[in-house]
Amino acid sequence: MDRRTFVHGVGGGSVTALAGCLTRNGENEEHAAETGPLRVATYTSFATGSDSDPDTDSDPNPDPDQAPSPAGDWFRETVEEEFEEEIEWTVPESGIEHYIQRARLDADIDTDVILGLTASELALVDSVLDAHGDTRLFESLERDRLEHADRIQSDLAFDDPRDRVLPVGTSYLSLVYDETVLESPPETFDDLLDSAYADTLLAQDPRVSNPGQAFFLWTVAEYGSGSGMLSFWEELQANGVRIEERWTDAYRDAYLEGERPMVVSYSTDQVVAAATDRDMQRHQVAPLDNAGYRSTEGAAIFADATRTELAYEFVDLLLSQTAQAELATRNAQFPAVSDEYVDLDATFLENAVEPDETVTLTYDDLEGEFATWLETWDDEIGD
């Protein structure tokens, strides 16, 4: 699963294999799972920091050889030290679709925790599974088992009526531009349609990329889900936007190579640029309408988890003071907890841009709607 993968056509297709999964067929294998490592599904960049794999989409840390080691390394070491347990990171090739399809087929999930779940992915899970008999994929959380749950900023809550996901970090989508090429950045969505920005923008496909998905949802929030949104995208295409499949394709392979001077990315871009000693002129952050689209990542526990107790301990660890600081530094994202519960690195504080205003669509906004919006975009704009 890339960082917030969104798979088009999730209602159909075959079930893909899960890298590194344990099977639970038979008594001996089931017992092994109960006493084995904690199995956590996440995105490649979190687990390994690698940006060479096609599933590293939307990693805001494009140079792992120079930047801090990946968050997964830190969590592996910490879990081993604090709990004397092991973590097995799993990266399903088809992202959330893998679990939706297995739930539909009543197949073993073989994973305890998912890390990096977004509100739109949760809405998609429910829109597909509820239509097939309300199959339960994630369990409702027992909050009395979580010491740090009350630290979470209230405005990051998923508004999930079943209370299945805890926010662990958040990012703001923005434009990143090269001021040595562009005299000034666009200030509004409508500015992006101006001839001054023809053939300058790199974006990502919302069917497979989370920043692409977030940018798409931002346009829904700006123009509505109907003709206004489609008209914007049609005009954006006419103005030469280049839509790459994934964040790494757009950012690392195109923007960093100087192919275009502007890219849809994150407002923490300068955190990594400073840490890797890049030319800051090429890493200017430009919010649209002085705002950024907020994309919050969460953690959920699978209903069929075999290491439930350890799963709760791991989720609680994610919200601890030290872990939240490490996530900010290593994952270039804002903490999910209130300020008094985290001490941020000076480089992060100096270079992370938090927009003046926040735009976001909650689970309540997305439930029963997102799949339809994306299908509309696909029919008119995709391919």
Protein backbone atom coordinates (compact mmCIF):
# COMPACT_ATOMS: atom_id res chain seq x y z
CA MET A 1 0.00 0.00 0.00
CA ASP A 2 1.48 3.30 -0.94
CA ARG A 3 1.08 6.15 1.44
CA ARG A 4 -2.71 6.49 1.26
CA THR A 5 -3.31 4.41 -1.89
CA PHE A 6 -6.76 4.68 -3.42
CA VAL A 7 -7.67 1.91 -5.84
CA HIS A 8 -10.15 2.58 -8.65
CA GLY A 9 -12.72 -0.11 -9.30
CA VAL A 10 -12.46 -1.50 -5.80
CA GLY A 11 -15.80 -3.24 -6.07
CA GLY A 12 -14.48 -5.82 -8.47
CA GLY A 13 -11.33 -7.59 -9.58
CA SER A 14 -9.20 -10.32 -8.09
CA VAL A 15 -7.69 -10.51 -4.63
CA THR A 16 -3.98 -9.79 -4.75
CA ALA A 17 -1.35 -11.38 -2.55
CA LEU A 18 -0.17 -9.65 0.62
CA ALA A 19 3.57 -9.39 0.99
CA GLY A 20 4.85 -11.04 4.14
CA CYS A 21 1.46 -12.26 5.41
CA LEU A 22 0.91 -15.21 7.73
CA THR A 23 -1.77 -17.75 6.95
CA ARG A 24 -4.07 -18.98 9.66
CA ASN A 25 -5.29 -22.25 8.14
CA GLY A 26 -4.98 -25.00 10.68
CA GLU A 27 -4.47 -25.10 14.41
CA ASN A 28 -0.67 -24.89 14.46
CA GLU A 29 -0.54 -21.91 12.11
CA GLU A 30 -3.25 -20.11 14.06
CA HIS A 31 -1.31 -20.58 17.29
CA ALA A 32 1.84 -19.30 15.58
CA ALA A 33 -0.01 -16.14 14.55
CA GLU A 34 -1.22 -15.55 18.10
CA THR A 35 2.34 -15.64 19.43
CA GLY A 36 4.12 -14.19 16.41
CA PRO A 37 4.98 -10.61 15.49
CA LEU A 38 2.52 -7.75 15.36
CA ARG A 39 1.49 -7.50 11.72
CA VAL A 40 1.05 -3.89 10.62
CA ALA A 41 -0.11 -2.86 7.15
CA THR A 42 1.37 0.46 6.11
CA TYR A 43 2.96 2.24 3.16
CA THR A 44 6.39 1.46 1.81
CA SER A 45 8.04 4.73 2.76
CA PHE A 46 6.98 4.33 6.38
CA ALA A 47 8.28 0.78 6.60
CA THR A 48 11.52 1.09 4.66
CA GLY A 49 12.00 4.69 3.55
CA SER A 50 12.67 3.44 0.02
CA ASP A 51 11.49 5.56 -2.89
CA SER A 52 12.53 3.08 -5.56
CA ASP A 53 9.40 0.98 -5.21
CA PRO A 54 6.31 2.10 -7.16
CA ASP A 55 4.29 1.89 -3.95
CA THR A 56 6.09 4.77 -2.24
CA ASP A 57 3.55 7.27 -3.49
CA SER A 58 3.23 10.55 -1.64
CA ASP A 59 6.29 10.07 0.54
CA PRO A 60 7.28 13.65 1.48
CA ASN A 61 10.85 12.39 2.08
CA PRO A 62 12.32 11.91 -1.41
CA ASP A 63 15.95 11.33 -0.40
CA PRO A 64 16.16 8.60 2.26
CA ASP A 65 19.96 8.33 1.95
CA GLN A 66 20.40 11.83 3.36
CA ALA A 67 17.30 12.30 5.51
CA PRO A 68 16.56 10.58 8.84
CA SER A 69 16.01 6.82 8.76
CA PRO A 70 12.39 5.75 8.13
CA ALA A 71 9.80 5.81 10.89
CA GLY A 72 9.43 2.03 10.56
CA ASP A 73 12.99 1.46 11.76
CA TRP A 74 12.42 3.56 14.85
CA PHE A 75 9.14 1.83 15.70
CA ARG A 76 10.64 -1.62 15.15
CA GLU A 77 13.45 -0.88 17.57
CA THR A 78 11.12 0.76 20.11
CA VAL A 79 8.61 -2.10 20.11
CA GLU A 80 11.42 -4.60 20.56
CA GLU A 81 12.83 -2.62 23.49
CA GLU A 82 9.60 -1.64 25.26
CA PHE A 83 7.39 -4.66 24.62
CA GLU A 84 9.98 -7.34 23.76
CA GLU A 85 7.93 -8.06 20.66
CA GLU A 86 8.53 -7.85 16.93
CA ILE A 87 6.74 -5.93 14.16
CA GLU A 88 6.16 -7.37 10.72
CA TRP A 89 5.41 -4.58 8.24
CA THR A 90 3.16 -5.63 5.37
CA VAL A 91 2.58 -3.66 2.18
CA PRO A 92 -0.41 -4.97 0.20
CA GLU A 93 0.11 -4.31 -3.48
CA SER A 94 -3.45 -3.12 -4.10
CA GLY A 95 -3.78 -1.10 -0.91
CA ILE A 96 -7.14 -0.97 0.84
CA GLU A 97 -8.70 -3.00 -1.97
CA HIS A 98 -6.82 -6.03 -0.70
CA TYR A 99 -8.71 -5.96 2.58
CA ILE A 100 -12.05 -5.03 1.08
CA GLN A 101 -11.91 -7.98 -1.28
CA ARG A 102 -10.80 -10.42 1.40
CA ALA A 103 -13.62 -9.26 3.66
CA ARG A 104 -16.12 -9.73 0.84
CA LEU A 105 -14.83 -13.27 0.32
CA ASP A 106 -14.80 -13.98 4.06
CA ALA A 107 -11.09 -14.76 3.76
CA ASP A 108 -8.45 -14.44 6.49
CA ILE A 109 -7.14 -10.90 6.86
CA ASP A 110 -3.78 -11.91 8.36
CA THR A 111 -3.04 -8.42 9.66
CA ASP A 112 -3.52 -6.84 13.10
CA VAL A 113 -3.26 -3.08 12.50
CA ILE A 114 -3.51 -0.72 9.55
CA LEU A 115 -1.48 2.48 9.75
CA GLY A 116 -2.09 5.37 7.35
CA LEU A 117 -5.85 4.95 6.87
CA THR A 118 -7.65 8.07 5.62
CA ALA A 119 -11.28 9.15 5.93
CA SER A 120 -11.87 8.59 2.23
CA GLU A 121 -10.50 5.05 2.42
CA LEU A 122 -12.73 4.32 5.41
CA ALA A 123 -15.70 5.71 3.50
CA LEU A 124 -14.86 3.44 0.58
CA VAL A 125 -14.58 0.40 2.85
CA ASP A 126 -18.03 1.09 4.19
CA SER A 127 -19.64 1.90 0.85
CA VAL A 128 -18.51 -1.46 -0.56
CA LEU A 129 -18.85 -3.72 2.46
CA ASP A 130 -22.10 -2.29 3.80
CA ALA A 131 -23.61 -3.03 0.40
CA HIS A 132 -22.57 -6.65 0.85
CA GLY A 133 -24.08 -7.38 4.24
CA ASP A 134 -22.28 -4.93 6.55
CA THR A 135 -19.13 -7.06 6.74
CA ARG A 136 -16.99 -5.87 9.65
CA LEU A 137 -13.38 -5.12 8.77
CA PHE A 138 -12.18 -2.94 11.66
CA GLU A 139 -13.25 -3.17 15.27
CA SER A 140 -14.74 -0.34 17.29
CA LEU A 141 -12.00 0.83 19.62
CA GLU A 142 -12.09 0.23 23.37
CA ARG A 143 -10.76 3.60 24.37
CA ASP A 144 -10.25 2.66 27.99
CA ARG A 145 -7.36 0.50 26.75
CA LEU A 146 -5.60 3.57 25.30
CA GLU A 147 -3.78 5.81 27.75
CA HIS A 148 -3.03 8.56 25.22
CA ALA A 149 -6.25 8.76 23.19
CA ASP A 150 -7.39 11.92 24.97
CA ARG A 151 -4.31 13.78 23.66
CA ILE A 152 -5.60 13.87 20.08
CA GLN A 153 -6.62 17.26 18.70
CA SER A 154 -10.41 17.27 18.56
CA ASP A 155 -10.56 18.76 15.06
CA LEU A 156 -8.71 15.75 13.63
CA ALA A 157 -11.38 13.24 14.66
CA PHE A 158 -12.64 11.07 11.81
CA ASP A 159 -16.30 11.54 12.84
CA ASP A 160 -16.76 7.81 12.35
CA PRO A 161 -19.95 6.76 14.16
CA ARG A 162 -18.40 3.34 14.82
CA ASP A 163 -15.25 4.87 16.36
CA ARG A 164 -12.78 2.62 14.54
CA VAL A 165 -9.88 4.96 13.72
CA LEU A 166 -7.50 7.08 15.80
CA PRO A 167 -5.64 9.96 14.08
CA VAL A 168 -1.87 9.65 14.39
CA GLY A 169 -0.66 12.46 12.11
CA THR A 170 -1.80 14.99 9.54
CA SER A 171 -0.48 16.77 6.44
CA TYR A 172 -1.54 19.75 4.37
CA LEU A 173 -1.63 19.55 0.62
CA SER A 174 -0.15 22.56 -1.14
CA LEU A 175 1.71 23.58 -4.25
CA VAL A 176 5.49 23.48 -4.28
CA TYR A 177 7.25 25.62 -6.89
CA ASP A 178 10.62 26.70 -8.19
CA GLU A 179 10.95 30.47 -7.77
CA THR A 180 13.93 30.54 -10.14
CA VAL A 181 11.48 29.65 -12.93
CA LEU A 182 8.15 31.10 -11.81
CA GLU A 183 8.15 34.80 -11.00
CA SER A 184 5.19 34.33 -8.68
CA PRO A 185 3.01 31.34 -7.78
CA PRO A 186 -0.74 31.01 -8.37
CA GLU A 187 -2.78 32.23 -5.43
CA THR A 188 -6.14 30.63 -6.24
CA PHE A 189 -7.52 27.63 -8.10
CA ASP A 190 -8.70 29.92 -10.87
CA ASP A 191 -5.15 31.24 -11.23
CA LEU A 192 -4.06 27.74 -12.21
CA LEU A 193 -6.16 28.13 -15.35
CA ASP A 194 -4.33 31.28 -16.42
CA SER A 195 -2.05 31.06 -19.45
CA ALA A 196 0.85 32.21 -17.24
CA TYR A 197 0.82 28.73 -15.70
CA ALA A 198 0.30 26.74 -18.89
CA ASP A 199 2.33 23.51 -18.93
CA THR A 200 3.82 24.17 -15.48
CA LEU A 201 1.87 21.94 -13.06
CA LEU A 202 2.52 18.33 -12.10
CA ALA A 203 -0.34 16.55 -10.31
CA GLN A 204 -1.22 12.96 -9.38
CA ASP A 205 -3.97 10.55 -10.37
CA PRO A 206 -6.70 10.48 -7.67
CA ARG A 207 -7.53 6.88 -8.54
CA VAL A 208 -4.17 5.58 -7.28
CA SER A 209 -2.49 8.40 -5.35
CA ASN A 210 -3.47 9.98 -2.07
CA PRO A 211 -2.09 13.47 -2.78
CA GLY A 212 -3.89 13.16 -6.10
CA GLN A 213 -6.99 12.12 -4.19
CA ALA A 214 -6.61 14.97 -1.72
CA PHE A 215 -6.18 17.53 -4.51
CA PHE A 216 -9.27 16.11 -6.20
CA LEU A 217 -11.28 16.38 -2.96
CA TRP A 218 -10.01 19.92 -2.53
CA THR A 219 -11.50 20.78 -5.93
CA VAL A 220 -14.78 19.16 -4.84
CA ALA A 221 -14.75 21.37 -1.75
CA GLU A 222 -14.02 24.40 -3.95
CA TYR A 223 -16.39 23.81 -6.87
CA GLY A 224 -18.83 21.12 -5.73
CA SER A 225 -19.02 17.54 -6.94
CA GLY A 226 -20.83 18.23 -10.22
CA SER A 227 -20.32 20.39 -13.29
CA GLY A 228 -18.24 23.03 -11.51
CA MET A 229 -15.58 20.52 -10.50
CA LEU A 230 -15.56 18.86 -13.93
CA SER A 231 -15.31 22.21 -15.67
CA PHE A 232 -12.27 23.12 -13.55
CA TRP A 233 -10.53 19.85 -14.41
CA GLU A 234 -11.32 20.19 -18.10
CA GLU A 235 -9.84 23.69 -18.13
CA LEU A 236 -6.85 22.51 -16.09
CA GLN A 237 -6.22 19.82 -18.70
CA ALA A 238 -6.56 22.40 -21.47
CA ASN A 239 -3.94 24.50 -19.66
CA GLY A 240 -1.48 21.61 -19.83
CA VAL A 241 -1.54 19.98 -16.38
CA ARG A 242 0.51 16.79 -16.42
CA ILE A 243 -1.10 14.08 -14.32
CA GLU A 244 1.34 11.41 -13.18
CA GLU A 245 0.22 8.18 -11.64
CA ARG A 246 1.91 8.61 -8.27
CA TRP A 247 3.58 11.18 -6.09
CA THR A 248 7.04 9.77 -6.72
CA ASP A 249 6.46 9.99 -10.48
CA ALA A 250 5.43 13.63 -10.20
CA TYR A 251 7.77 14.83 -7.47
CA ARG A 252 10.94 12.77 -7.57
CA ASP A 253 11.06 11.70 -11.20
CA ALA A 254 9.75 14.92 -12.78
CA TYR A 255 9.84 17.92 -10.44
CA LEU A 256 13.23 17.24 -8.87
CA GLU A 257 14.60 16.61 -12.36
CA GLY A 258 13.47 20.08 -13.42
CA GLU A 259 10.90 18.91 -15.96
CA ARG A 260 8.28 21.32 -14.62
CA PRO A 261 8.45 24.15 -12.07
CA MET A 262 5.37 23.34 -9.95
CA VAL A 263 3.97 20.21 -8.29
CA VAL A 264 1.10 19.19 -6.01
CA SER A 265 2.79 18.12 -2.77
CA TYR A 266 2.89 18.93 0.95
CA SER A 267 3.40 22.05 3.01
CA THR A 268 6.20 20.29 4.92
CA ASP A 269 8.33 20.17 1.77
CA GLN A 270 10.94 22.52 3.19
CA VAL A 271 11.46 20.28 6.23
CA VAL A 272 13.02 17.63 4.02
CA ALA A 273 14.66 20.19 1.73
CA ALA A 274 16.46 21.70 4.73
CA ALA A 275 17.42 18.30 6.15
CA THR A 276 18.91 17.23 2.80
CA ASP A 277 20.57 20.57 2.04
CA ARG A 278 18.58 21.23 -1.13
CA ASP A 279 18.30 24.61 -2.83
CA MET A 280 15.40 26.21 -0.99
CA GLN A 281 14.56 28.38 -4.00
CA ARG A 282 13.27 25.21 -5.64
CA HIS A 283 11.17 24.31 -2.62
CA GLN A 284 8.81 27.22 -2.12
CA VAL A 285 5.37 26.40 -0.69
CA ALA A 286 2.33 28.10 -2.22
CA PRO A 287 -1.04 27.55 -0.49
CA LEU A 288 -4.11 28.15 -2.64
CA ASP A 289 -6.49 30.74 -1.20
CA ASN A 290 -4.16 30.82 1.84
CA ALA A 291 -5.40 27.33 2.63
CA GLY A 292 -4.27 23.72 2.50
CA TYR A 293 -6.24 20.51 2.19
CA ARG A 294 -5.78 18.55 5.40
CA SER A 295 -5.25 14.82 5.01
CA THR A 296 -5.21 12.97 8.33
CA GLU A 297 -3.71 9.52 8.75
CA GLY A 298 -5.15 7.10 11.26
CA ALA A 299 -4.58 3.69 12.79
CA ALA A 300 -7.25 1.00 13.09
CA ILE A 301 -7.30 -2.52 14.50
CA PHE A 302 -8.68 -5.31 12.35
CA ALA A 303 -11.68 -7.16 13.72
CA ASP A 304 -9.87 -10.45 13.14
CA ALA A 305 -6.59 -9.37 14.77
CA THR A 306 -4.82 -12.16 16.64
CA ARG A 307 -2.47 -9.89 18.63
CA THR A 308 -5.20 -7.56 19.90
CA GLU A 309 -3.52 -6.62 23.18
CA LEU A 310 -0.24 -5.80 21.46
CA ALA A 311 -2.18 -3.94 18.76
CA TYR A 312 -3.65 -1.61 21.39
CA GLU A 313 -0.21 -1.08 22.92
CA PHE A 314 1.21 -0.21 19.50
CA VAL A 315 -1.59 2.24 18.68
CA ASP A 316 -1.10 3.88 22.06
CA LEU A 317 2.64 4.09 21.41
CA LEU A 318 1.92 6.01 18.19
CA LEU A 319 0.35 8.76 20.31
CA SER A 320 3.12 8.97 22.89
CA GLN A 321 5.16 12.17 23.19
CA THR A 322 8.35 10.65 21.78
CA ALA A 323 6.64 8.81 18.93
CA GLN A 324 4.75 11.88 17.77
CA ALA A 325 8.01 13.83 17.57
CA GLU A 326 9.66 11.02 15.63
CA LEU A 327 6.73 10.83 13.21
CA ALA A 328 6.97 14.56 12.56
CA THR A 329 10.71 14.39 11.84
CA ARG A 330 10.88 11.11 9.94
CA ASN A 331 7.54 11.30 8.13
CA ALA A 332 7.43 15.09 7.64
CA GLN A 333 3.90 15.39 9.00
CA PHE A 334 2.21 17.40 11.71
CA PRO A 335 1.43 15.66 15.02
CA ALA A 336 -2.06 14.45 15.85
CA VAL A 337 -1.76 15.36 19.53
CA SER A 338 -2.05 18.75 21.20
CA ASP A 339 1.08 20.90 21.43
CA GLU A 340 1.70 20.19 25.10
CA TYR A 341 2.15 16.49 24.34
CA VAL A 342 4.94 16.76 21.77
CA ASP A 343 8.35 18.43 21.49
CA LEU A 344 9.11 19.13 17.86
CA ASP A 345 12.54 19.29 16.29
CA ALA A 346 13.81 22.81 15.56
CA THR A 347 14.21 22.05 11.85
CA PHE A 348 10.58 21.00 11.66
CA LEU A 349 9.36 24.09 13.49
CA GLU A 350 11.42 26.41 11.29
CA ASN A 351 10.43 24.89 7.96
CA ALA A 352 6.97 23.31 8.22
CA VAL A 353 4.29 25.57 6.78
CA GLU A 354 0.86 25.38 8.36
CA PRO A 355 -1.63 27.22 6.13
CA ASP A 356 -3.78 30.00 7.51
CA GLU A 357 -6.94 28.08 6.70
CA THR A 358 -7.77 24.40 6.49
CA VAL A 359 -9.99 22.63 4.00
CA THR A 360 -11.01 19.03 4.59
CA LEU A 361 -13.87 16.64 3.98
CA THR A 362 -14.77 14.41 6.91
CA TYR A 363 -15.97 10.84 6.93
CA ASP A 364 -19.51 12.16 7.26
CA ASP A 365 -19.01 14.23 4.08
CA LEU A 366 -17.50 11.30 2.19
CA GLU A 367 -19.65 8.37 3.30
CA GLY A 368 -21.71 7.11 0.40
CA GLU A 369 -20.40 9.90 -1.85
CA PHE A 370 -16.69 9.53 -2.51
CA ALA A 371 -16.85 6.50 -4.80
CA THR A 372 -19.46 8.26 -6.96
CA TRP A 373 -17.40 11.47 -7.17
CA LEU A 374 -14.31 9.55 -8.19
CA GLU A 375 -16.24 7.58 -10.79
CA THR A 376 -17.54 10.84 -12.25
CA TRP A 377 -13.99 12.20 -12.49
CA ASP A 378 -12.82 8.95 -14.05
CA ASP A 379 -15.55 8.97 -16.68
CA GLU A 380 -14.92 12.56 -17.75
CA ILE A 381 -11.27 13.27 -16.98
CA GLY A 382 -9.44 9.97 -16.41
CA ASP A 383 -7.47 8.27 -19.16
